[in-house]
Protein backbone atom coordinates (compact mmCIF):
# COMPACT_ATOMS: atom_id res chain seq x y z
CA MET A 1 -5.05 -10.65 -28.07
CA SER A 2 -2.90 -13.03 -26.05
CA ALA A 3 -3.02 -14.61 -22.28
CA THR A 4 1.13 -14.17 -21.92
CA ASP A 5 0.60 -10.81 -22.40
CA SER A 6 -1.42 -10.19 -19.84
CA THR A 7 0.22 -11.64 -17.42
CA SER A 8 3.77 -11.35 -18.51
CA ALA A 9 3.39 -7.58 -16.67
CA TRP A 10 5.26 -6.80 -13.73
CA TYR A 11 5.24 -4.41 -11.52
CA GLU A 12 5.74 -3.03 -8.26
CA CYS A 13 3.70 -2.81 -5.22
CA ASP A 14 3.47 0.33 -4.13
CA HIS A 15 3.85 -0.81 -0.18
CA CYS A 16 6.47 -3.64 -0.34
CA SER A 17 8.34 -1.77 -3.42
CA ASP A 18 8.22 -6.11 -4.76
CA TYR A 19 8.10 -7.11 -8.07
CA HIS A 20 5.58 -8.94 -8.59
CA PRO A 21 3.15 -10.59 -12.16
CA SER A 22 0.16 -8.54 -11.72
CA HIS A 23 -2.37 -11.59 -11.71
CA MET A 24 -0.99 -11.72 -8.35
CA PHE A 25 -1.44 -7.86 -7.41
CA TYR A 26 -4.84 -7.57 -4.90
CA ASP A 27 -6.18 -4.45 -6.80
CA THR A 28 -3.32 -1.79 -8.92
CA ALA A 29 -0.84 -0.65 -6.92
CA MET A 30 -1.02 -3.16 -3.51
CA CYS A 31 0.85 -6.84 -4.43
CA SER A 32 -1.15 -8.33 -1.27
CA PHE A 33 -4.47 -7.39 0.96
CA LYS A 34 -1.70 -7.94 3.32
CA CYS A 35 0.15 -5.44 1.88
CA ARG A 36 -2.67 -3.40 1.34
CA ARG A 37 -3.42 -4.33 5.13
CA LYS A 38 -0.54 -2.37 6.11
CA ALA A 39 -0.48 0.48 4.21
CA ASP A 40 -4.13 1.22 5.72
CA ALA A 41 -2.98 0.55 9.65
CA GLU A 42 0.43 3.13 8.34
CA SER A 43 -2.04 5.87 6.90
CA VAL A 44 -4.53 5.87 9.99
CA LEU A 45 -1.28 5.25 13.08
CA ASN A 46 0.16 8.84 10.94
CA GLU A 47 -3.02 10.08 11.52
CA LEU A 48 -2.82 8.86 15.38
CA GLU A 49 0.24 10.34 15.36
CA HIS A 50 -0.16 13.64 14.24
CA GLU A 51 -2.77 14.55 15.86
CA HIS A 52 -1.65 13.62 18.52
CA THR A 53 1.06 16.01 18.09
CA VAL A 54 -1.14 18.60 16.89
CA CYS A 55 -3.23 18.20 20.09
CA GLY A 56 -0.04 17.35 22.34
CA THR A 57 1.41 21.81 20.86
CA SER A 58 -2.39 23.59 21.39
CA ALA A 59 -2.09 22.07 25.11
CA ALA A 60 1.40 23.15 26.26
């Protein structure tokens, strides 16, 4: 087992699509806490927009 193997791997962030060394990743999919928070916020906003659309449609 070599130390260079674990630090030389680069992965693409699921949120920003940038490539970073594996040791820089906040979790397995996101390169930083900032990306994780943005992705979480976007999913909440998408859900709210969807609910608003459904609500608006059913009220019409």
